[in-house]
PDB file of N, CA and C in Angstrom:
ATOM      1  N   UNK A   1      97.165  81.112 161.452  1.00  0.00           N
ATOM      2  CA  UNK A   1      97.065  82.425 160.882  1.00  0.00           C
ATOM      3  C   UNK A   1      96.147  83.263 161.764  1.00  0.00           C
ATOM      4  N   UNK A   2      96.487  84.458 161.897  1.00  0.00           N
ATOM      5  CA  UNK A   2      95.708  85.342 162.767  1.00  0.00           C
ATOM      6  C   UNK A   2      94.376  85.684 162.122  1.00  0.00           C
ATOM      7  N   UNK A   3      93.401  85.975 162.926  1.00  0.00           N
ATOM      8  CA  UNK A   3      92.054  86.308 162.458  1.00  0.00           C
ATOM      9  C   UNK A   3      92.103  87.596 161.637  1.00  0.00           C
ATOM     10  N   UNK A   4      92.939  88.543 162.023  1.00  0.00           N
ATOM     11  CA  UNK A   4      93.043  89.816 161.313  1.00  0.00           C
ATOM     12  C   UNK A   4      93.596  89.617 159.905  1.00  0.00           C
ATOM     13  N   UNK A   5      94.627  88.798 159.752  1.00  0.00           N
ATOM     14  CA  UNK A   5      95.216  88.524 158.443  1.00  0.00           C
ATOM     15  C   UNK A   5      94.221  87.792 157.558  1.00  0.00           C
ATOM     16  N   UNK A   6      93.541  86.814 158.135  1.00  0.00           N
ATOM     17  CA  UNK A   6      92.546  86.050 157.379  1.00  0.00           C
ATOM     18  C   UNK A   6      91.417  86.972 156.899  1.00  0.00           C
ATOM     19  N   UNK A   7      90.955  87.849 157.758  1.00  0.00           N
ATOM     20  CA  UNK A   7      89.893  88.789 157.403  1.00  0.00           C
ATOM     21  C   UNK A   7      90.356  89.732 156.294  1.00  0.00           C
ATOM     22  N   UNK A   8      91.579  90.214 156.404  1.00  0.00           N
ATOM     23  CA  UNK A   8      92.136  91.100 155.382  1.00  0.00           C
ATOM     24  C   UNK A   8      92.237  90.390 154.035  1.00  0.00           C
ATOM     25  N   UNK A   9      92.689  89.145 154.028  1.00  0.00           N
ATOM     26  CA  UNK A   9      92.790  88.390 152.781  1.00  0.00           C
ATOM     27  C   UNK A   9      91.410  88.138 152.155  1.00  0.00           C
ATOM     28  N   UNK A  10      90.420  87.810 152.968  1.00  0.00           N
ATOM     29  CA  UNK A  10      89.062  87.623 152.442  1.00  0.00           C
ATOM     30  C   UNK A  10      88.505  88.928 151.876  1.00  0.00           C
ATOM     31  N   UNK A  11      88.806  90.041 152.519  1.00  0.00           N
ATOM     32  CA  UNK A  11      88.360  91.339 152.023  1.00  0.00           C
ATOM     33  C   UNK A  11      88.978  91.642 150.655  1.00  0.00           C
ATOM     34  N   UNK A  12      90.284  91.422 150.522  1.00  0.00           N
ATOM     35  CA  UNK A  12      90.973  91.663 149.247  1.00  0.00           C
ATOM     36  C   UNK A  12      90.419  90.735 148.165  1.00  0.00           C
ATOM     37  N   UNK A  13      90.205  89.470 148.501  1.00  0.00           N
ATOM     38  CA  UNK A  13      89.627  88.525 147.551  1.00  0.00           C
ATOM     39  C   UNK A  13      88.226  88.970 147.128  1.00  0.00           C
ATOM     40  N   UNK A  14      87.447  89.439 148.078  1.00  0.00           N
ATOM     41  CA  UNK A  14      86.100  89.924 147.772  1.00  0.00           C
ATOM     42  C   UNK A  14      86.116  91.116 146.839  1.00  0.00           C
ATOM     43  N   UNK A  15      87.050  92.037 147.048  1.00  0.00           N
ATOM     44  CA  UNK A  15      87.168  93.210 146.166  1.00  0.00           C
ATOM     45  C   UNK A  15      87.486  92.759 144.747  1.00  0.00           C
ATOM     46  N   UNK A  16      88.424  91.847 144.589  1.00  0.00           N
ATOM     47  CA  UNK A  16      88.772  91.356 143.250  1.00  0.00           C
ATOM     48  C   UNK A  16      87.597  90.636 142.591  1.00  0.00           C
ATOM     49  N   UNK A  17      86.873  89.851 143.342  1.00  0.00           N
ATOM     50  CA  UNK A  17      85.726  89.137 142.771  1.00  0.00           C
ATOM     51  C   UNK A  17      84.622  90.098 142.333  1.00  0.00           C
ATOM     52  N   UNK A  18      84.346  91.095 143.149  1.00  0.00           N
ATOM     53  CA  UNK A  18      83.314  92.081 142.789  1.00  0.00           C
ATOM     54  C   UNK A  18      83.726  92.843 141.534  1.00  0.00           C
ATOM     55  N   UNK A  19      84.975  93.270 141.454  1.00  0.00           N
ATOM     56  CA  UNK A  19      85.451  93.980 140.251  1.00  0.00           C
ATOM     57  C   UNK A  19      85.365  93.099 139.008  1.00  0.00           C
ATOM     58  N   UNK A  20      85.717  91.823 139.142  1.00  0.00           N
ATOM     59  CA  UNK A  20      85.664  90.912 138.002  1.00  0.00           C
ATOM     60  C   UNK A  20      84.231  90.725 137.518  1.00  0.00           C
ATOM     61  N   UNK A  21      83.302  90.559 138.438  1.00  0.00           N
ATOM     62  CA  UNK A  21      81.895  90.381 138.065  1.00  0.00           C
ATOM     63  C   UNK A  21      81.357  91.651 137.403  1.00  0.00           C
ATOM     64  N   UNK A  22      81.684  92.812 137.957  1.00  0.00           N
ATOM     65  CA  UNK A  22      81.218  94.072 137.372  1.00  0.00           C
ATOM     66  C   UNK A  22      81.766  94.284 135.965  1.00  0.00           C
ATOM     67  N   UNK A  23      83.023  93.961 135.756  1.00  0.00           N
ATOM     68  CA  UNK A  23      83.608  94.091 134.409  1.00  0.00           C
ATOM     69  C   UNK A  23      82.965  93.108 133.433  1.00  0.00           C
ATOM     70  N   UNK A  24      82.686  91.893 133.895  1.00  0.00           N
ATOM     71  CA  UNK A  24      82.042  90.897 133.047  1.00  0.00           C
ATOM     72  C   UNK A  24      80.648  91.364 132.640  1.00  0.00           C
ATOM     73  N   UNK A  25      79.874  91.828 133.607  1.00  0.00           N
ATOM     74  CA  UNK A  25      78.517  92.302 133.312  1.00  0.00           C
ATOM     75  C   UNK A  25      78.572  93.527 132.406  1.00  0.00           C
ATOM     76  N   UNK A  26      79.489  94.445 132.667  1.00  0.00           N
ATOM     77  CA  UNK A  26      79.635  95.636 131.818  1.00  0.00           C
ATOM     78  C   UNK A  26      79.985  95.274 130.385  1.00  0.00           C
ATOM     79  N   UNK A  27      80.858  94.296 130.204  1.00  0.00           N
ATOM     80  CA  UNK A  27      81.221  93.847 128.859  1.00  0.00           C
ATOM     81  C   UNK A  27      80.062  93.197 128.135  1.00  0.00           C
ATOM     82  N   UNK A  28      79.275  92.413 128.862  1.00  0.00           N
ATOM     83  CA  UNK A  28      78.109  91.764 128.252  1.00  0.00           C
ATOM     84  C   UNK A  28      77.092  92.813 127.824  1.00  0.00           C
ATOM     85  N   UNK A  29      76.848  93.797 128.692  1.00  0.00           N
ATOM     86  CA  UNK A  29      75.886  94.866 128.359  1.00  0.00           C
ATOM     87  C   UNK A  29      76.383  95.675 127.169  1.00  0.00           C
ATOM     88  N   UNK A  30      77.649  96.036 127.155  1.00  0.00           N
ATOM     89  CA  UNK A  30      78.202  96.820 126.052  1.00  0.00           C
ATOM     90  C   UNK A  30      78.164  96.033 124.743  1.00  0.00           C
ATOM     91  N   UNK A  31      78.474  94.762 124.783  1.00  0.00           N
ATOM     92  CA  UNK A  31      78.427  93.937 123.582  1.00  0.00           C
ATOM     93  C   UNK A  31      77.016  93.749 123.066  1.00  0.00           C
ATOM     94  N   UNK A  32      76.069  93.577 123.963  1.00  0.00           N
ATOM     95  CA  UNK A  32      74.672  93.390 123.568  1.00  0.00           C
ATOM     96  C   UNK A  32      74.067  94.667 122.995  1.00  0.00           C
ATOM     97  N   UNK A  33      74.539  95.823 123.475  1.00  0.00           N
ATOM     98  CA  UNK A  33      73.979  97.084 122.992  1.00  0.00           C
ATOM     99  C   UNK A  33      74.726  97.629 121.793  1.00  0.00           C
ATOM    100  N   UNK A  34      75.741  96.927 121.309  1.00  0.00           N
ATOM    101  CA  UNK A  34      76.517  97.406 120.158  1.00  0.00           C
ATOM    102  C   UNK A  34      77.317  98.634 120.519  1.00  0.00           C
ATOM    103  N   UNK A  35      78.001  98.592 121.637  1.00  0.00           N
ATOM    104  CA  UNK A  35      78.756  99.728 122.153  1.00  0.00           C
ATOM    105  C   UNK A  35      79.860 100.189 121.224  1.00  0.00           C
ATOM    106  N   UNK A  36      80.546 101.254 121.614  1.00  0.00           N
ATOM    107  CA  UNK A  36      81.579 101.882 120.788  1.00  0.00           C
ATOM    108  C   UNK A  36      82.726 100.932 120.469  1.00  0.00           C
ATOM    109  N   UNK A  37      83.091 100.086 121.396  1.00  0.00           N
ATOM    110  CA  UNK A  37      84.192  99.161 121.165  1.00  0.00           C
ATOM    111  C   UNK A  37      83.619  97.806 120.791  1.00  0.00           C
ATOM    112  N   UNK A  38      83.580  97.514 119.505  1.00  0.00           N
ATOM    113  CA  UNK A  38      83.052  96.230 119.067  1.00  0.00           C
ATOM    114  C   UNK A  38      84.162  95.190 119.041  1.00  0.00           C
ATOM    115  N   UNK A  39      83.784  93.953 118.803  1.00  0.00           N
ATOM    116  CA  UNK A  39      84.767  92.874 118.780  1.00  0.00           C
ATOM    117  C   UNK A  39      85.710  93.005 117.579  1.00  0.00           C
ATOM    118  N   UNK A  40      85.201  93.551 116.472  1.00  0.00           N
ATOM    119  CA  UNK A  40      86.023  93.738 115.280  1.00  0.00           C
ATOM    120  C   UNK A  40      86.397  95.205 115.142  1.00  0.00           C
ATOM    121  N   UNK A  41      87.671  95.513 115.165  1.00  0.00           N
ATOM    122  CA  UNK A  41      88.067  96.906 114.949  1.00  0.00           C
ATOM    123  C   UNK A  41      87.843  97.292 113.486  1.00  0.00           C
ATOM    124  N   UNK A  42      87.425  98.517 113.270  1.00  0.00           N
ATOM    125  CA  UNK A  42      87.210  98.968 111.897  1.00  0.00           C
ATOM    126  C   UNK A  42      88.552  99.211 111.232  1.00  0.00           C
ATOM    127  N   UNK A  43      88.621  98.886 109.964  1.00  0.00           N
ATOM    128  CA  UNK A  43      89.864  99.060 109.232  1.00  0.00           C
ATOM    129  C   UNK A  43      89.878 100.432 108.571  1.00  0.00           C
ATOM    130  N   UNK A  44      91.059 101.052 108.503  1.00  0.00           N
ATOM    131  CA  UNK A  44      91.136 102.356 107.838  1.00  0.00           C
ATOM    132  C   UNK A  44      90.862 102.212 106.343  1.00  0.00           C
ATOM    133  N   UNK A  45      90.437 103.300 105.740  1.00  0.00           N
ATOM    134  CA  UNK A  45      90.152 103.285 104.310  1.00  0.00           C
ATOM    135  C   UNK A  45      91.431 103.024 103.520  1.00  0.00           C
ATOM    136  N   UNK A  46      91.302 102.309 102.431  1.00  0.00           N
ATOM    137  CA  UNK A  46      92.452 101.995 101.588  1.00  0.00           C
ATOM    138  C   UNK A  46      92.912 103.245 100.841  1.00  0.00           C
ATOM    139  N   UNK A  47      94.212 103.366 100.656  1.00  0.00           N
ATOM    140  CA  UNK A  47      94.792 104.489  99.931  1.00  0.00           C
ATOM    141  C   UNK A  47      95.524 103.931  98.729  1.00  0.00           C
ATOM    142  N   UNK A  48      95.265 104.509  97.571  1.00  0.00           N
ATOM    143  CA  UNK A  48      95.944 104.049  96.361  1.00  0.00           C
ATOM    144  C   UNK A  48      97.393 104.530  96.386  1.00  0.00           C
ATOM    145  N   UNK A  49      98.312 103.585  96.231  1.00  0.00           N
ATOM    146  CA  UNK A  49      99.732 103.911  96.207  1.00  0.00           C
ATOM    147  C   UNK A  49     100.124 104.331  94.801  1.00  0.00           C
ATOM    148  N   UNK A  50     101.038 105.273  94.718  1.00  0.00           N
ATOM    149  CA  UNK A  50     101.530 105.756  93.428  1.00  0.00           C
ATOM    150  C   UNK A  50     102.981 105.319  93.271  1.00  0.00           C
ATOM    151  N   UNK A  51     103.368 105.020  92.033  1.00  0.00           N
ATOM    152  CA  UNK A  51     104.722 104.526  91.782  1.00  0.00           C
ATOM    153  C   UNK A  51     105.649 105.667  91.389  1.00  0.00           C
ATOM    154  N   UNK A  52     106.803 105.702  92.033  1.00  0.00           N
ATOM    155  CA  UNK A  52     107.847 106.672  91.699  1.00  0.00           C
ATOM    156  C   UNK A  52     108.398 106.280  90.327  1.00  0.00           C
ATOM    157  N   UNK A  53     108.353 107.182  89.334  1.00  0.00           N
ATOM    158  CA  UNK A  53     108.788 106.810  87.980  1.00  0.00           C
ATOM    159  C   UNK A  53     110.298 106.611  87.848  1.00  0.00           C
ATOM    160  N   UNK A  54     111.070 107.065  88.805  1.00  0.00           N
ATOM    161  CA  UNK A  54     112.527 106.939  88.712  1.00  0.00           C
ATOM    162  C   UNK A  54     113.005 105.614  89.297  1.00  0.00           C
ATOM    163  N   UNK A  55     112.661 105.354  90.551  1.00  0.00           N
ATOM    164  CA  UNK A  55     113.192 104.152  91.202  1.00  0.00           C
ATOM    165  C   UNK A  55     112.175 103.029  91.349  1.00  0.00           C
ATOM    166  N   UNK A  56     110.895 103.319  91.086  1.00  0.00           N
ATOM    167  CA  UNK A  56     109.872 102.289  91.138  1.00  0.00           C
ATOM    168  C   UNK A  56     109.273 102.037  92.511  1.00  0.00           C
ATOM    169  N   UNK A  57     109.658 102.814  93.506  1.00  0.00           N
ATOM    170  CA  UNK A  57     109.116 102.660  94.849  1.00  0.00           C
ATOM    171  C   UNK A  57     107.668 103.138  94.877  1.00  0.00           C
ATOM    172  N   UNK A  58     106.814 102.425  95.606  1.00  0.00           N
ATOM    173  CA  UNK A  58     105.431 102.862  95.767  1.00  0.00           C
ATOM    174  C   UNK A  58     105.347 103.784  96.980  1.00  0.00           C
ATOM    175  N   UNK A  59     104.664 104.912  96.802  1.00  0.00           N
ATOM    176  CA  UNK A  59     104.557 105.910  97.855  1.00  0.00           C
ATOM    177  C   UNK A  59     103.093 106.281  98.079  1.00  0.00           C
ATOM    178  N   UNK A  60     102.793 106.758  99.294  1.00  0.00           N
ATOM    179  CA  UNK A  60     101.463 107.263  99.623  1.00  0.00           C
ATOM    180  C   UNK A  60     101.400 108.703  99.125  1.00  0.00           C
ATOM    181  N   UNK A  61     100.440 109.050  98.288  1.00  0.00           N
ATOM    182  CA  UNK A  61     100.395 110.399  97.716  1.00  0.00           C
ATOM    183  C   UNK A  61     100.392 111.522  98.755  1.00  0.00           C
ATOM    184  N   UNK A  62      99.758 111.334  99.886  1.00  0.00           N
ATOM    185  CA  UNK A  62      99.708 112.380 100.899  1.00  0.00           C
ATOM    186  C   UNK A  62     101.041 112.658 101.568  1.00  0.00           C
ATOM    187  N   UNK A  63     101.983 111.723 101.488  1.00  0.00           N
ATOM    188  CA  UNK A  63     103.278 111.878 102.149  1.00  0.00           C
ATOM    189  C   UNK A  63     104.429 111.986 101.161  1.00  0.00           C
ATOM    190  N   UNK A  64     104.138 111.887  99.875  1.00  0.00           N
ATOM    191  CA  UNK A  64     105.183 111.875  98.858  1.00  0.00           C
ATOM    192  C   UNK A  64     105.482 113.284  98.360  1.00  0.00           C
ATOM    193  N   UNK A  65     106.628 113.431  97.733  1.00  0.00           N
ATOM    194  CA  UNK A  65     106.966 114.675  97.047  1.00  0.00           C
ATOM    195  C   UNK A  65     106.262 114.665  95.690  1.00  0.00           C
ATOM    196  N   UNK A  66     105.833 115.829  95.238  1.00  0.00           N
ATOM    197  CA  UNK A  66     105.056 115.916  93.996  1.00  0.00           C
ATOM    198  C   UNK A  66     105.748 116.798  92.977  1.00  0.00           C
ATOM    199  N   UNK A  67     105.413 116.549  91.727  1.00  0.00           N
ATOM    200  CA  UNK A  67     105.814 117.425  90.635  1.00  0.00           C
ATOM    201  C   UNK A  67     104.621 117.497  89.692  1.00  0.00           C
ATOM    202  N   UNK A  68     104.056 118.684  89.549  1.00  0.00           N
ATOM    203  CA  UNK A  68     102.889 118.861  88.693  1.00  0.00           C
ATOM    204  C   UNK A  68     103.355 119.209  87.285  1.00  0.00           C
ATOM    205  N   UNK A  69     102.829 118.470  86.313  1.00  0.00           N
ATOM    206  CA  UNK A  69     103.134 118.704  84.899  1.00  0.00           C
ATOM    207  C   UNK A  69     101.809 118.858  84.176  1.00  0.00           C
ATOM    208  N   UNK A  70     101.345 120.085  83.992  1.00  0.00           N
ATOM    209  CA  UNK A  70     100.044 120.300  83.366  1.00  0.00           C
ATOM    210  C   UNK A  70      98.952 119.752  84.254  1.00  0.00           C
ATOM    211  N   UNK A  71      98.173 118.809  83.733  1.00  0.00           N
ATOM    212  CA  UNK A  71      97.100 118.180  84.527  1.00  0.00           C
ATOM    213  C   UNK A  71      97.580 116.943  85.267  1.00  0.00           C
ATOM    214  N   UNK A  72      98.773 116.509  84.985  1.00  0.00           N
ATOM    215  CA  UNK A  72      99.317 115.290  85.597  1.00  0.00           C
ATOM    216  C   UNK A  72     100.169 115.646  86.819  1.00  0.00           C
ATOM    217  N   UNK A  73     100.046 114.858  87.871  1.00  0.00           N
ATOM    218  CA  UNK A  73     100.898 114.999  89.054  1.00  0.00           C
ATOM    219  C   UNK A  73     101.692 113.714  89.203  1.00  0.00           C
ATOM    220  N   UNK A  74     102.999 113.862  89.340  1.00  0.00           N
ATOM    221  CA  UNK A  74     103.886 112.712  89.488  1.00  0.00           C
ATOM    222  C   UNK A  74     104.397 112.718  90.932  1.00  0.00           C
ATOM    223  N   UNK A  75     104.457 111.538  91.554  1.00  0.00           N
ATOM    224  CA  UNK A  75     104.837 111.413  92.961  1.00  0.00           C
ATOM    225  C   UNK A  75     106.201 110.742  93.087  1.00  0.00           C
ATOM    226  N   UNK A  76     106.992 111.220  94.073  1.00  0.00           N
ATOM    227  CA  UNK A  76     108.352 110.730  94.253  1.00  0.00           C
ATOM    228  C   UNK A  76     108.609 110.373  95.713  1.00  0.00           C
ATOM    229  N   UNK A  77     109.531 109.424  95.916  1.00  0.00           N
ATOM    230  CA  UNK A  77     109.878 108.994  97.268  1.00  0.00           C
ATOM    231  C   UNK A  77     110.907 109.917  97.906  1.00  0.00           C
ATOM    232  N   UNK A  78     111.700 110.614  97.078  1.00  0.00           N
ATOM    233  CA  UNK A  78     112.755 111.470  97.632  1.00  0.00           C
ATOM    234  C   UNK A  78     113.022 112.648  96.702  1.00  0.00           C
ATOM    235  N   UNK A  79     113.722 113.604  97.242  1.00  0.00           N
ATOM    236  CA  UNK A  79     114.114 114.784  96.458  1.00  0.00           C
ATOM    237  C   UNK A  79     115.063 114.376  95.331  1.00  0.00           C
ATOM    238  N   UNK A  80     115.906 113.396  95.584  1.00  0.00           N
ATOM    239  CA  UNK A  80     116.857 112.913  94.575  1.00  0.00           C
ATOM    240  C   UNK A  80     116.112 112.371  93.353  1.00  0.00           C
ATOM    241  N   UNK A  81     115.088 111.559  93.576  1.00  0.00           N
ATOM    242  CA  UNK A  81     114.313 111.014  92.449  1.00  0.00           C
ATOM    243  C   UNK A  81     113.572 112.128  91.699  1.00  0.00           C
ATOM    244  N   UNK A  82     113.043 113.080  92.443  1.00  0.00           N
ATOM    245  CA  UNK A  82     112.336 114.183  91.785  1.00  0.00           C
ATOM    246  C   UNK A  82     113.284 114.997  90.921  1.00  0.00           C
ATOM    247  N   UNK A  83     114.500 115.268  91.392  1.00  0.00           N
ATOM    248  CA  UNK A  83     115.487 116.011  90.607  1.00  0.00           C
ATOM    249  C   UNK A  83     115.915 115.237  89.359  1.00  0.00           C
ATOM    250  N   UNK A  84     116.114 113.925  89.489  1.00  0.00           N
ATOM    251  CA  UNK A  84     116.490 113.112  88.328  1.00  0.00           C
ATOM    252  C   UNK A  84     115.390 113.120  87.278  1.00  0.00           C
ATOM    253  N   UNK A  85     114.160 113.023  87.692  1.00  0.00           N
ATOM    254  CA  UNK A  85     113.030 113.052  86.757  1.00  0.00           C
ATOM    255  C   UNK A  85     112.931 114.421  86.081  1.00  0.00           C
ATOM    256  N   UNK A  86     113.109 115.482  86.858  1.00  0.00           N
ATOM    257  CA  UNK A  86     112.998 116.834  86.318  1.00  0.00           C
ATOM    258  C   UNK A  86     114.102 117.094  85.297  1.00  0.00           C
ATOM    259  N   UNK A  87     115.318 116.580  85.539  1.00  0.00           N
ATOM    260  CA  UNK A  87     116.427 116.772  84.610  1.00  0.00           C
ATOM    261  C   UNK A  87     116.252 115.995  83.320  1.00  0.00           C
ATOM    262  N   UNK A  88     115.603 114.817  83.383  1.00  0.00           N
ATOM    263  CA  UNK A  88     115.397 113.998  82.190  1.00  0.00           C
ATOM    264  C   UNK A  88     114.328 114.593  81.289  1.00  0.00           C
ATOM    265  N   UNK A  89     113.360 115.272  81.857  1.00  0.00           N
ATOM    266  CA  UNK A  89     112.247 115.753  81.024  1.00  0.00           C
ATOM    267  C   UNK A  89     112.344 117.222  80.700  1.00  0.00           C
TER     268      UNK A  89
END
């Protein structure tokens, strides 16, 4: 193997080793200091699901169709279920 090729390969290997060591040290420092990215990802807050009174499907209130009846709000999965409920009552 030529001296130039060997030198180039050692240089590339050295670059990879230096990057690996720097990333390892950076991860150790970040973990020790309680950095922004912890080992455990935080879980989103739980959302109470509401049941569609027509078909029984559970829906997220923020994404569901609503029908307000006085102080009560009823949640629906689709326009079809909301229309059926409105016609029955």
